[in-house]
Amino acid sequence: MDAAGGRCTCTGACGSKHTKDGGRCAHGTGWNHHLYAAPADPFVPARTAWRVDPADLTAWCGRCLDGARRAAHRTTPAPAVEPGLFDLPTNTTVAVRADRAA
């Protein structure tokens, strides 16, 4: 938090331009404002954020962290669906016996 100067380090990843504050969020530590040490990359899922190297953490206020994660989820493509156990490839041909063909 000291490296961030006690302020949120968001410069617009949350969707706000922070124009009133010189391009950086003005929220800092104080009454009713908390800062969170979270990955600088909002694409890192919250469930795996604990694995991030401490050097890759930055200070976020709650509003900017939530906004940046929402924006990351909106722009992240859906994961490819893995084939199920009984799914057949689309280029598979099925041989039909001549005596059973209709």
PDB file of N, CA and C in Angstrom:
ATOM      1  N   MET A   1       0.818  -1.184   0.000  1.00  0.00           N
ATOM      2  CA  MET A   1       0.000   0.000   0.000  1.00  0.00           C
ATOM      3  C   MET A   1       0.867   1.255   0.000  1.00  0.00           C
ATOM      4  N   ASP A   2       2.038   1.143   0.618  1.00  0.00           N
ATOM      5  CA  ASP A   2       2.935   2.292   0.632  1.00  0.00           C
ATOM      6  C   ASP A   2       3.422   2.642  -0.770  1.00  0.00           C
ATOM      7  N   ALA A   3       3.682   1.618  -1.578  1.00  0.00           N
ATOM      8  CA  ALA A   3       4.158   1.864  -2.939  1.00  0.00           C
ATOM      9  C   ALA A   3       3.100   2.599  -3.761  1.00  0.00           C
ATOM     10  N   ALA A   4       1.833   2.412  -3.425  1.00  0.00           N
ATOM     11  CA  ALA A   4       0.745   3.079  -4.145  1.00  0.00           C
ATOM     12  C   ALA A   4       0.436   4.450  -3.558  1.00  0.00           C
ATOM     13  N   GLY A   5       1.144   4.822  -2.532  1.00  0.00           N
ATOM     14  CA  GLY A   5       0.899   6.119  -1.913  1.00  0.00           C
ATOM     15  C   GLY A   5      -0.400   6.179  -1.136  1.00  0.00           C
ATOM     16  N   GLY A   6      -0.896   5.015  -0.717  1.00  0.00           N
ATOM     17  CA  GLY A   6      -2.134   4.975   0.052  1.00  0.00           C
ATOM     18  C   GLY A   6      -3.371   5.260  -0.767  1.00  0.00           C
ATOM     19  N   ARG A   7      -3.247   5.162  -2.096  1.00  0.00           N
ATOM     20  CA  ARG A   7      -4.381   5.409  -2.997  1.00  0.00           C
ATOM     21  C   ARG A   7      -4.588   4.224  -3.910  1.00  0.00           C
ATOM     22  N   CYS A   8      -5.819   4.087  -4.390  1.00  0.00           N
ATOM     23  CA  CYS A   8      -6.139   3.077  -5.387  1.00  0.00           C
ATOM     24  C   CYS A   8      -5.321   3.369  -6.647  1.00  0.00           C
ATOM     25  N   THR A   9      -4.806   2.337  -7.279  1.00  0.00           N
ATOM     26  CA  THR A   9      -3.948   2.524  -8.452  1.00  0.00           C
ATOM     27  C   THR A   9      -4.705   2.445  -9.774  1.00  0.00           C
ATOM     28  N   CYS A  10      -6.028   2.322  -9.730  1.00  0.00           N
ATOM     29  CA  CYS A  10      -6.817   2.186 -10.962  1.00  0.00           C
ATOM     30  C   CYS A  10      -6.701   3.446 -11.815  1.00  0.00           C
ATOM     31  N   THR A  11      -6.435   3.227 -13.093  1.00  0.00           N
ATOM     32  CA  THR A  11      -6.359   4.336 -14.044  1.00  0.00           C
ATOM     33  C   THR A  11      -7.412   4.193 -15.143  1.00  0.00           C
ATOM     34  N   GLY A  12      -8.449   3.417 -14.882  1.00  0.00           N
ATOM     35  CA  GLY A  12      -9.538   3.292 -15.831  1.00  0.00           C
ATOM     36  C   GLY A  12      -9.961   1.876 -16.147  1.00  0.00           C
ATOM     37  N   ALA A  13      -9.294   0.880 -15.586  1.00  0.00           N
ATOM     38  CA  ALA A  13      -9.668  -0.514 -15.851  1.00  0.00           C
ATOM     39  C   ALA A  13     -11.084  -0.819 -15.378  1.00  0.00           C
ATOM     40  N   CYS A  14     -11.593  -0.029 -14.450  1.00  0.00           N
ATOM     41  CA  CYS A  14     -12.926  -0.254 -13.899  1.00  0.00           C
ATOM     42  C   CYS A  14     -14.027   0.303 -14.791  1.00  0.00           C
ATOM     43  N   GLY A  15     -13.657   1.063 -15.787  1.00  0.00           N
ATOM     44  CA  GLY A  15     -14.645   1.676 -16.668  1.00  0.00           C
ATOM     45  C   GLY A  15     -14.805   3.164 -16.433  1.00  0.00           C
ATOM     46  N   SER A  16     -14.276   3.661 -15.340  1.00  0.00           N
ATOM     47  CA  SER A  16     -14.315   5.096 -15.057  1.00  0.00           C
ATOM     48  C   SER A  16     -13.041   5.737 -15.593  1.00  0.00           C
ATOM     49  N   LYS A  17     -13.158   6.959 -16.061  1.00  0.00           N
ATOM     50  CA  LYS A  17     -11.972   7.653 -16.582  1.00  0.00           C
ATOM     51  C   LYS A  17     -11.216   8.375 -15.475  1.00  0.00           C
ATOM     52  N   HIS A  18     -11.822   8.500 -14.313  1.00  0.00           N
ATOM     53  CA  HIS A  18     -11.210   9.192 -13.177  1.00  0.00           C
ATOM     54  C   HIS A  18     -10.692  10.572 -13.587  1.00  0.00           C
ATOM     55  N   THR A  19     -11.482  11.279 -14.391  1.00  0.00           N
ATOM     56  CA  THR A  19     -11.038  12.571 -14.914  1.00  0.00           C
ATOM     57  C   THR A  19     -10.899  13.643 -13.840  1.00  0.00           C
ATOM     58  N   LYS A  20     -11.697  13.558 -12.798  1.00  0.00           N
ATOM     59  CA  LYS A  20     -11.618  14.572 -11.733  1.00  0.00           C
ATOM     60  C   LYS A  20     -10.351  14.429 -10.905  1.00  0.00           C
ATOM     61  N   ASP A  21      -9.713  13.278 -11.003  1.00  0.00           N
ATOM     62  CA  ASP A  21      -8.581  12.996 -10.131  1.00  0.00           C
ATOM     63  C   ASP A  21      -7.270  12.827 -10.905  1.00  0.00           C
ATOM     64  N   GLY A  22      -7.190  13.397 -12.071  1.00  0.00           N
ATOM     65  CA  GLY A  22      -5.957  13.313 -12.839  1.00  0.00           C
ATOM     66  C   GLY A  22      -5.728  11.962 -13.491  1.00  0.00           C
ATOM     67  N   GLY A  23      -6.792  11.213 -13.729  1.00  0.00           N
ATOM     68  CA  GLY A  23      -6.656   9.928 -14.402  1.00  0.00           C
ATOM     69  C   GLY A  23      -6.413   8.749 -13.485  1.00  0.00           C
ATOM     70  N   ARG A  24      -6.398   8.979 -12.185  1.00  0.00           N
ATOM     71  CA  ARG A  24      -6.207   7.893 -11.216  1.00  0.00           C
ATOM     72  C   ARG A  24      -7.242   8.030 -10.111  1.00  0.00           C
ATOM     73  N   CYS A  25      -7.760   6.897  -9.673  1.00  0.00           N
ATOM     74  CA  CYS A  25      -8.781   6.888  -8.620  1.00  0.00           C
ATOM     75  C   CYS A  25      -8.271   7.607  -7.370  1.00  0.00           C
ATOM     76  N   ALA A  26      -9.147   8.395  -6.766  1.00  0.00           N
ATOM     77  CA  ALA A  26      -8.760   9.173  -5.585  1.00  0.00           C
ATOM     78  C   ALA A  26      -9.010   8.447  -4.274  1.00  0.00           C
ATOM     79  N   HIS A  27      -9.695   7.294  -4.314  1.00  0.00           N
ATOM     80  CA  HIS A  27      -9.988   6.590  -3.066  1.00  0.00           C
ATOM     81  C   HIS A  27      -8.704   6.080  -2.430  1.00  0.00           C
ATOM     82  N   GLY A  28      -8.654   6.268  -1.166  1.00  0.00           N
ATOM     83  CA  GLY A  28      -7.492   5.808  -0.410  1.00  0.00           C
ATOM     84  C   GLY A  28      -7.928   5.259   0.921  1.00  0.00           C
ATOM     85  N   THR A  29      -6.979   5.033   1.762  1.00  0.00           N
ATOM     86  CA  THR A  29      -7.318   4.531   3.084  1.00  0.00           C
ATOM     87  C   THR A  29      -7.904   5.674   3.894  1.00  0.00           C
ATOM     88  N   GLY A  30      -8.949   5.389   4.577  1.00  0.00           N
ATOM     89  CA  GLY A  30      -9.614   6.398   5.385  1.00  0.00           C
ATOM     90  C   GLY A  30     -10.948   5.870   5.829  1.00  0.00           C
ATOM     91  N   TRP A  31     -11.721   6.746   6.441  1.00  0.00           N
ATOM     92  CA  TRP A  31     -13.020   6.345   6.948  1.00  0.00           C
ATOM     93  C   TRP A  31     -13.890   5.881   5.794  1.00  0.00           C
ATOM     94  N   ASN A  32     -14.415   4.689   5.912  1.00  0.00           N
ATOM     95  CA  ASN A  32     -15.328   4.079   4.945  1.00  0.00           C
ATOM     96  C   ASN A  32     -14.691   3.780   3.585  1.00  0.00           C
ATOM     97  N   HIS A  33     -13.391   3.837   3.493  1.00  0.00           N
ATOM     98  CA  HIS A  33     -12.694   3.453   2.270  1.00  0.00           C
ATOM     99  C   HIS A  33     -11.596   2.465   2.642  1.00  0.00           C
ATOM    100  N   HIS A  34     -11.588   1.365   1.946  1.00  0.00           N
ATOM    101  CA  HIS A  34     -10.585   0.347   2.195  1.00  0.00           C
ATOM    102  C   HIS A  34      -9.843   0.065   0.902  1.00  0.00           C
ATOM    103  N   LEU A  35      -8.592  -0.274   1.019  1.00  0.00           N
ATOM    104  CA  LEU A  35      -7.816  -0.694  -0.139  1.00  0.00           C
ATOM    105  C   LEU A  35      -7.524  -2.177  -0.008  1.00  0.00           C
ATOM    106  N   TYR A  36      -7.496  -2.845  -1.141  1.00  0.00           N
ATOM    107  CA  TYR A  36      -7.238  -4.275  -1.184  1.00  0.00           C
ATOM    108  C   TYR A  36      -5.995  -4.535  -2.010  1.00  0.00           C
ATOM    109  N   ALA A  37      -5.155  -5.424  -1.533  1.00  0.00           N
ATOM    110  CA  ALA A  37      -4.004  -5.869  -2.324  1.00  0.00           C
ATOM    111  C   ALA A  37      -4.511  -7.000  -3.207  1.00  0.00           C
ATOM    112  N   ALA A  38      -4.585  -6.746  -4.491  1.00  0.00           N
ATOM    113  CA  ALA A  38      -5.106  -7.714  -5.456  1.00  0.00           C
ATOM    114  C   ALA A  38      -4.221  -7.687  -6.692  1.00  0.00           C
ATOM    115  N   PRO A  39      -4.307  -8.710  -7.531  1.00  0.00           N
ATOM    116  CA  PRO A  39      -3.478  -8.728  -8.735  1.00  0.00           C
ATOM    117  C   PRO A  39      -3.697  -7.480  -9.597  1.00  0.00           C
ATOM    118  N   ALA A  40      -2.615  -6.965 -10.134  1.00  0.00           N
ATOM    119  CA  ALA A  40      -2.703  -5.803 -11.011  1.00  0.00           C
ATOM    120  C   ALA A  40      -3.475  -6.145 -12.279  1.00  0.00           C
ATOM    121  N   ASP A  41      -3.457  -7.399 -12.675  1.00  0.00           N
ATOM    122  CA  ASP A  41      -4.177  -7.866 -13.848  1.00  0.00           C
ATOM    123  C   ASP A  41      -5.570  -8.316 -13.436  1.00  0.00           C
ATOM    124  N   PRO A  42      -6.631  -7.571 -13.814  1.00  0.00           N
ATOM    125  CA  PRO A  42      -7.981  -7.956 -13.383  1.00  0.00           C
ATOM    126  C   PRO A  42      -8.483  -9.230 -14.039  1.00  0.00           C
ATOM    127  N   PHE A  43      -7.762  -9.767 -15.026  1.00  0.00           N
ATOM    128  CA  PHE A  43      -8.169 -11.020 -15.664  1.00  0.00           C
ATOM    129  C   PHE A  43      -7.873 -12.230 -14.774  1.00  0.00           C
ATOM    130  N   VAL A  44      -7.056 -12.049 -13.748  1.00  0.00           N
ATOM    131  CA  VAL A  44      -6.759 -13.152 -12.826  1.00  0.00           C
ATOM    132  C   VAL A  44      -8.011 -13.414 -11.999  1.00  0.00           C
ATOM    133  N   PRO A  45      -8.559 -14.624 -12.066  1.00  0.00           N
ATOM    134  CA  PRO A  45      -9.778 -14.913 -11.297  1.00  0.00           C
ATOM    135  C   PRO A  45      -9.531 -14.792  -9.792  1.00  0.00           C
ATOM    136  N   ALA A  46     -10.541 -14.337  -9.081  1.00  0.00           N
ATOM    137  CA  ALA A  46     -10.415 -14.158  -7.637  1.00  0.00           C
ATOM    138  C   ALA A  46     -10.057 -15.464  -6.942  1.00  0.00           C
ATOM    139  N   ARG A  47     -10.554 -16.587  -7.462  1.00  0.00           N
ATOM    140  CA  ARG A  47     -10.296 -17.875  -6.800  1.00  0.00           C
ATOM    141  C   ARG A  47      -8.834 -18.327  -6.920  1.00  0.00           C
ATOM    142  N   THR A  48      -8.064 -17.748  -7.846  1.00  0.00           N
ATOM    143  CA  THR A  48      -6.647 -18.117  -7.988  1.00  0.00           C
ATOM    144  C   THR A  48      -5.716 -16.956  -7.663  1.00  0.00           C
ATOM    145  N   ALA A  49      -6.255 -15.851  -7.189  1.00  0.00           N
ATOM    146  CA  ALA A  49      -5.438 -14.671  -6.915  1.00  0.00           C
ATOM    147  C   ALA A  49      -4.407 -14.918  -5.822  1.00  0.00           C
ATOM    148  N   TRP A  50      -4.659 -15.862  -4.962  1.00  0.00           N
ATOM    149  CA  TRP A  50      -3.712 -16.129  -3.874  1.00  0.00           C
ATOM    150  C   TRP A  50      -2.384 -16.668  -4.393  1.00  0.00           C
ATOM    151  N   ARG A  51      -2.368 -17.172  -5.626  1.00  0.00           N
ATOM    152  CA  ARG A  51      -1.136 -17.710  -6.207  1.00  0.00           C
ATOM    153  C   ARG A  51      -0.230 -16.645  -6.814  1.00  0.00           C
ATOM    154  N   VAL A  52      -0.730 -15.444  -6.974  1.00  0.00           N
ATOM    155  CA  VAL A  52       0.017 -14.379  -7.640  1.00  0.00           C
ATOM    156  C   VAL A  52       1.217 -13.967  -6.789  1.00  0.00           C
ATOM    157  N   ASP A  53       2.318 -13.730  -7.465  1.00  0.00           N
ATOM    158  CA  ASP A  53       3.533 -13.261  -6.788  1.00  0.00           C
ATOM    159  C   ASP A  53       3.246 -11.901  -6.136  1.00  0.00           C
ATOM    160  N   PRO A  54       3.705 -11.678  -4.913  1.00  0.00           N
ATOM    161  CA  PRO A  54       3.439 -10.403  -4.244  1.00  0.00           C
ATOM    162  C   PRO A  54       3.894  -9.184  -5.052  1.00  0.00           C
ATOM    163  N   ALA A  55       4.898  -9.331  -5.884  1.00  0.00           N
ATOM    164  CA  ALA A  55       5.359  -8.208  -6.709  1.00  0.00           C
ATOM    165  C   ALA A  55       4.320  -7.820  -7.761  1.00  0.00           C
ATOM    166  N   ASP A  56       3.387  -8.728  -8.069  1.00  0.00           N
ATOM    167  CA  ASP A  56       2.365  -8.468  -9.076  1.00  0.00           C
ATOM    168  C   ASP A  56       1.040  -7.996  -8.469  1.00  0.00           C
ATOM    169  N   LEU A  57       1.063  -7.649  -7.191  1.00  0.00           N
ATOM    170  CA  LEU A  57      -0.128  -7.121  -6.529  1.00  0.00           C
ATOM    171  C   LEU A  57      -0.110  -5.604  -6.574  1.00  0.00           C
ATOM    172  N   THR A  58      -1.277  -5.013  -6.540  1.00  0.00           N
ATOM    173  CA  THR A  58      -1.384  -3.559  -6.480  1.00  0.00           C
ATOM    174  C   THR A  58      -2.566  -3.190  -5.596  1.00  0.00           C
ATOM    175  N   ALA A  59      -2.689  -1.924  -5.278  1.00  0.00           N
ATOM    176  CA  ALA A  59      -3.756  -1.446  -4.397  1.00  0.00           C
ATOM    177  C   ALA A  59      -4.993  -1.102  -5.221  1.00  0.00           C
ATOM    178  N   TRP A  60      -6.140  -1.631  -4.811  1.00  0.00           N
ATOM    179  CA  TRP A  60      -7.424  -1.365  -5.457  1.00  0.00           C
ATOM    180  C   TRP A  60      -8.423  -0.957  -4.385  1.00  0.00           C
ATOM    181  N   CYS A  61      -9.285   0.001  -4.698  1.00  0.00           N
ATOM    182  CA  CYS A  61     -10.437   0.230  -3.827  1.00  0.00           C
ATOM    183  C   CYS A  61     -11.491  -0.787  -4.257  1.00  0.00           C
ATOM    184  N   GLY A  62     -12.467  -1.045  -3.435  1.00  0.00           N
ATOM    185  CA  GLY A  62     -13.474  -2.054  -3.735  1.00  0.00           C
ATOM    186  C   GLY A  62     -14.251  -1.771  -5.006  1.00  0.00           C
ATOM    187  N   ARG A  63     -14.633  -0.517  -5.223  1.00  0.00           N
ATOM    188  CA  ARG A  63     -15.420  -0.160  -6.404  1.00  0.00           C
ATOM    189  C   ARG A  63     -14.624  -0.409  -7.694  1.00  0.00           C
ATOM    190  N   CYS A  64     -13.364  -0.005  -7.719  1.00  0.00           N
ATOM    191  CA  CYS A  64     -12.552  -0.195  -8.925  1.00  0.00           C
ATOM    192  C   CYS A  64     -12.218  -1.665  -9.153  1.00  0.00           C
ATOM    193  N   LEU A  65     -11.942  -2.407  -8.093  1.00  0.00           N
ATOM    194  CA  LEU A  65     -11.632  -3.824  -8.234  1.00  0.00           C
ATOM    195  C   LEU A  65     -12.827  -4.578  -8.810  1.00  0.00           C
ATOM    196  N   ASP A  66     -14.011  -4.323  -8.278  1.00  0.00           N
ATOM    197  CA  ASP A  66     -15.216  -4.975  -8.798  1.00  0.00           C
ATOM    198  C   ASP A  66     -15.472  -4.580 -10.254  1.00  0.00           C
ATOM    199  N   GLY A  67     -15.326  -3.299 -10.554  1.00  0.00           N
ATOM    200  CA  GLY A  67     -15.550  -2.821 -11.914  1.00  0.00           C
ATOM    201  C   GLY A  67     -14.558  -3.399 -12.904  1.00  0.00           C
ATOM    202  N   ALA A  68     -13.301  -3.491 -12.505  1.00  0.00           N
ATOM    203  CA  ALA A  68     -12.275  -4.042 -13.397  1.00  0.00           C
ATOM    204  C   ALA A  68     -12.510  -5.526 -13.647  1.00  0.00           C
ATOM    205  N   ARG A  69     -12.936  -6.247 -12.631  1.00  0.00           N
ATOM    206  CA  ARG A  69     -13.221  -7.674 -12.818  1.00  0.00           C
ATOM    207  C   ARG A  69     -14.447  -7.878 -13.711  1.00  0.00           C
ATOM    208  N   ARG A  70     -15.473  -7.044 -13.535  1.00  0.00           N
ATOM    209  CA  ARG A  70     -16.651  -7.138 -14.404  1.00  0.00           C
ATOM    210  C   ARG A  70     -16.269  -6.849 -15.855  1.00  0.00           C
ATOM    211  N   ALA A  71     -15.464  -5.820 -16.061  1.00  0.00           N
ATOM    212  CA  ALA A  71     -15.035  -5.473 -17.419  1.00  0.00           C
ATOM    213  C   ALA A  71     -14.202  -6.599 -18.020  1.00  0.00           C
ATOM    214  N   ALA A  72     -13.367  -7.237 -17.213  1.00  0.00           N
ATOM    215  CA  ALA A  72     -12.539  -8.343 -17.706  1.00  0.00           C
ATOM    216  C   ALA A  72     -13.412  -9.519 -18.113  1.00  0.00           C
ATOM    217  N   HIS A  73     -14.461  -9.790 -17.352  1.00  0.00           N
ATOM    218  CA  HIS A  73     -15.348 -10.905 -17.685  1.00  0.00           C
ATOM    219  C   HIS A  73     -16.170 -10.622 -18.938  1.00  0.00           C
ATOM    220  N   ARG A  74     -16.495  -9.360 -19.169  1.00  0.00           N
ATOM    221  CA  ARG A  74     -17.249  -9.014 -20.375  1.00  0.00           C
ATOM    222  C   ARG A  74     -16.403  -9.182 -21.631  1.00  0.00           C
ATOM    223  N   THR A  75     -15.104  -8.998 -21.523  1.00  0.00           N
ATOM    224  CA  THR A  75     -14.239  -9.055 -22.704  1.00  0.00           C
ATOM    225  C   THR A  75     -13.545 -10.396 -22.867  1.00  0.00           C
ATOM    226  N   THR A  76     -13.625 -11.262 -21.876  1.00  0.00           N
ATOM    227  CA  THR A  76     -12.984 -12.566 -21.946  1.00  0.00           C
ATOM    228  C   THR A  76     -13.871 -13.531 -22.718  1.00  0.00           C
ATOM    229  N   PRO A  77     -13.342 -14.180 -23.746  1.00  0.00           N
ATOM    230  CA  PRO A  77     -14.173 -15.138 -24.476  1.00  0.00           C
ATOM    231  C   PRO A  77     -14.510 -16.348 -23.611  1.00  0.00           C
ATOM    232  N   ALA A  78     -15.635 -16.943 -23.889  1.00  0.00           N
ATOM    233  CA  ALA A  78     -16.047 -18.138 -23.153  1.00  0.00           C
ATOM    234  C   ALA A  78     -15.073 -19.276 -23.442  1.00  0.00           C
ATOM    235  N   PRO A  79     -14.792 -20.100 -22.458  1.00  0.00           N
ATOM    236  CA  PRO A  79     -13.866 -21.213 -22.689  1.00  0.00           C
ATOM    237  C   PRO A  79     -14.454 -22.206 -23.684  1.00  0.00           C
ATOM    238  N   ALA A  80     -13.576 -22.832 -24.418  1.00  0.00           N
ATOM    239  CA  ALA A  80     -14.013 -23.836 -25.398  1.00  0.00           C
ATOM    240  C   ALA A  80     -14.644 -25.010 -24.657  1.00  0.00           C
ATOM    241  N   VAL A  81     -15.709 -25.522 -25.213  1.00  0.00           N
ATOM    242  CA  VAL A  81     -16.401 -26.643 -24.595  1.00  0.00           C
ATOM    243  C   VAL A  81     -15.665 -27.925 -24.969  1.00  0.00           C
ATOM    244  N   GLU A  82     -15.327 -28.679 -23.969  1.00  0.00           N
ATOM    245  CA  GLU A  82     -14.661 -29.948 -24.223  1.00  0.00           C
ATOM    246  C   GLU A  82     -15.706 -30.984 -24.614  1.00  0.00           C
ATOM    247  N   PRO A  83     -15.352 -31.883 -25.514  1.00  0.00           N
ATOM    248  CA  PRO A  83     -16.333 -32.894 -25.925  1.00  0.00           C
ATOM    249  C   PRO A  83     -16.692 -33.802 -24.752  1.00  0.00           C
ATOM    250  N   GLY A  84     -17.940 -34.224 -24.747  1.00  0.00           N
ATOM    251  CA  GLY A  84     -18.408 -35.125 -23.708  1.00  0.00           C
ATOM    252  C   GLY A  84     -17.915 -36.537 -23.961  1.00  0.00           C
ATOM    253  N   LEU A  85     -18.162 -37.396 -23.041  1.00  0.00           N
ATOM    254  CA  LEU A  85     -17.692 -38.771 -23.114  1.00  0.00           C
ATOM    255  C   LEU A  85     -18.238 -39.507 -24.333  1.00  0.00           C
ATOM    256  N   PHE A  86     -19.493 -39.257 -24.691  1.00  0.00           N
ATOM    257  CA  PHE A  86     -20.116 -39.997 -25.787  1.00  0.00           C
ATOM    258  C   PHE A  86     -20.314 -39.158 -27.054  1.00  0.00           C
ATOM    259  N   ASP A  87     -19.733 -37.951 -27.095  1.00  0.00           N
ATOM    260  CA  ASP A  87     -19.854 -37.132 -28.295  1.00  0.00           C
ATOM    261  C   ASP A  87     -18.984 -37.703 -29.411  1.00  0.00           C
ATOM    262  N   LEU A  88     -19.526 -37.697 -30.617  1.00  0.00           N
ATOM    263  CA  LEU A  88     -18.778 -38.164 -31.783  1.00  0.00           C
ATOM    264  C   LEU A  88     -18.277 -36.963 -32.566  1.00  0.00           C
ATOM    265  N   PRO A  89     -17.122 -37.089 -33.191  1.00  0.00           N
ATOM    266  CA  PRO A  89     -16.673 -35.999 -34.058  1.00  0.00           C
ATOM    267  C   PRO A  89     -17.682 -35.799 -35.187  1.00  0.00           C
ATOM    268  N   THR A  90     -17.756 -34.600 -35.709  1.00  0.00           N
ATOM    269  CA  THR A  90     -18.750 -34.283 -36.733  1.00  0.00           C
ATOM    270  C   THR A  90     -18.426 -34.903 -38.081  1.00  0.00           C
ATOM    271  N   ASN A  91     -17.193 -35.304 -38.306  1.00  0.00           N
ATOM    272  CA  ASN A  91     -16.829 -35.872 -39.607  1.00  0.00           C
ATOM    273  C   ASN A  91     -16.874 -37.403 -39.604  1.00  0.00           C
ATOM    274  N   THR A  92     -17.521 -37.986 -38.631  1.00  0.00           N
ATOM    275  CA  THR A  92     -17.605 -39.438 -38.541  1.00  0.00           C
ATOM    276  C   THR A  92     -18.711 -39.962 -39.455  1.00  0.00           C
ATOM    277  N   THR A  93     -18.385 -40.979 -40.235  1.00  0.00           N
ATOM    278  CA  THR A  93     -19.410 -41.626 -41.062  1.00  0.00           C
ATOM    279  C   THR A  93     -19.751 -42.965 -40.428  1.00  0.00           C
ATOM    280  N   VAL A  94     -21.000 -43.311 -40.523  1.00  0.00           N
ATOM    281  CA  VAL A  94     -21.454 -44.561 -39.933  1.00  0.00           C
ATOM    282  C   VAL A  94     -21.762 -45.512 -41.084  1.00  0.00           C
ATOM    283  N   ALA A  95     -21.171 -46.684 -41.049  1.00  0.00           N
ATOM    284  CA  ALA A  95     -21.415 -47.659 -42.092  1.00  0.00           C
ATOM    285  C   ALA A  95     -22.739 -48.356 -41.824  1.00  0.00           C
ATOM    286  N   VAL A  96     -23.551 -48.484 -42.824  1.00  0.00           N
ATOM    287  CA  VAL A  96     -24.849 -49.142 -42.730  1.00  0.00           C
ATOM    288  C   VAL A  96     -24.802 -50.379 -43.605  1.00  0.00           C
ATOM    289  N   ARG A  97     -25.191 -51.477 -43.062  1.00  0.00           N
ATOM    290  CA  ARG A  97     -25.204 -52.728 -43.833  1.00  0.00           C
ATOM    291  C   ARG A  97     -26.271 -52.633 -44.930  1.00  0.00           C
ATOM    292  N   ALA A  98     -25.987 -53.200 -46.074  1.00  0.00           N
ATOM    293  CA  ALA A  98     -26.889 -53.121 -47.222  1.00  0.00           C
ATOM    294  C   ALA A  98     -28.225 -53.800 -46.928  1.00  0.00           C
ATOM    295  N   ASP A  99     -28.225 -54.892 -46.153  1.00  0.00           N
ATOM    296  CA  ASP A  99     -29.481 -55.575 -45.892  1.00  0.00           C
ATOM    297  C   ASP A  99     -30.336 -54.830 -44.880  1.00  0.00           C
ATOM    298  N   ARG A 100     -29.763 -53.825 -44.150  1.00  0.00           N
ATOM    299  CA  ARG A 100     -30.512 -53.053 -43.173  1.00  0.00           C
ATOM    300  C   ARG A 100     -30.869 -51.671 -43.688  1.00  0.00           C
ATOM    301  N   ALA A 101     -30.339 -51.281 -44.821  1.00  0.00           N
ATOM    302  CA  ALA A 101     -30.605 -49.944 -45.352  1.00  0.00           C
ATOM    303  C   ALA A 101     -32.052 -49.863 -45.819  1.00  0.00           C
ATOM    304  N   ALA A 102     -32.653 -48.757 -45.580  1.00  0.00           N
ATOM    305  CA  ALA A 102     -34.055 -48.578 -45.969  1.00  0.00           C
ATOM    306  C   ALA A 102     -34.162 -47.994 -47.357  1.00  0.00           C
TER     307      ALA A 102
END
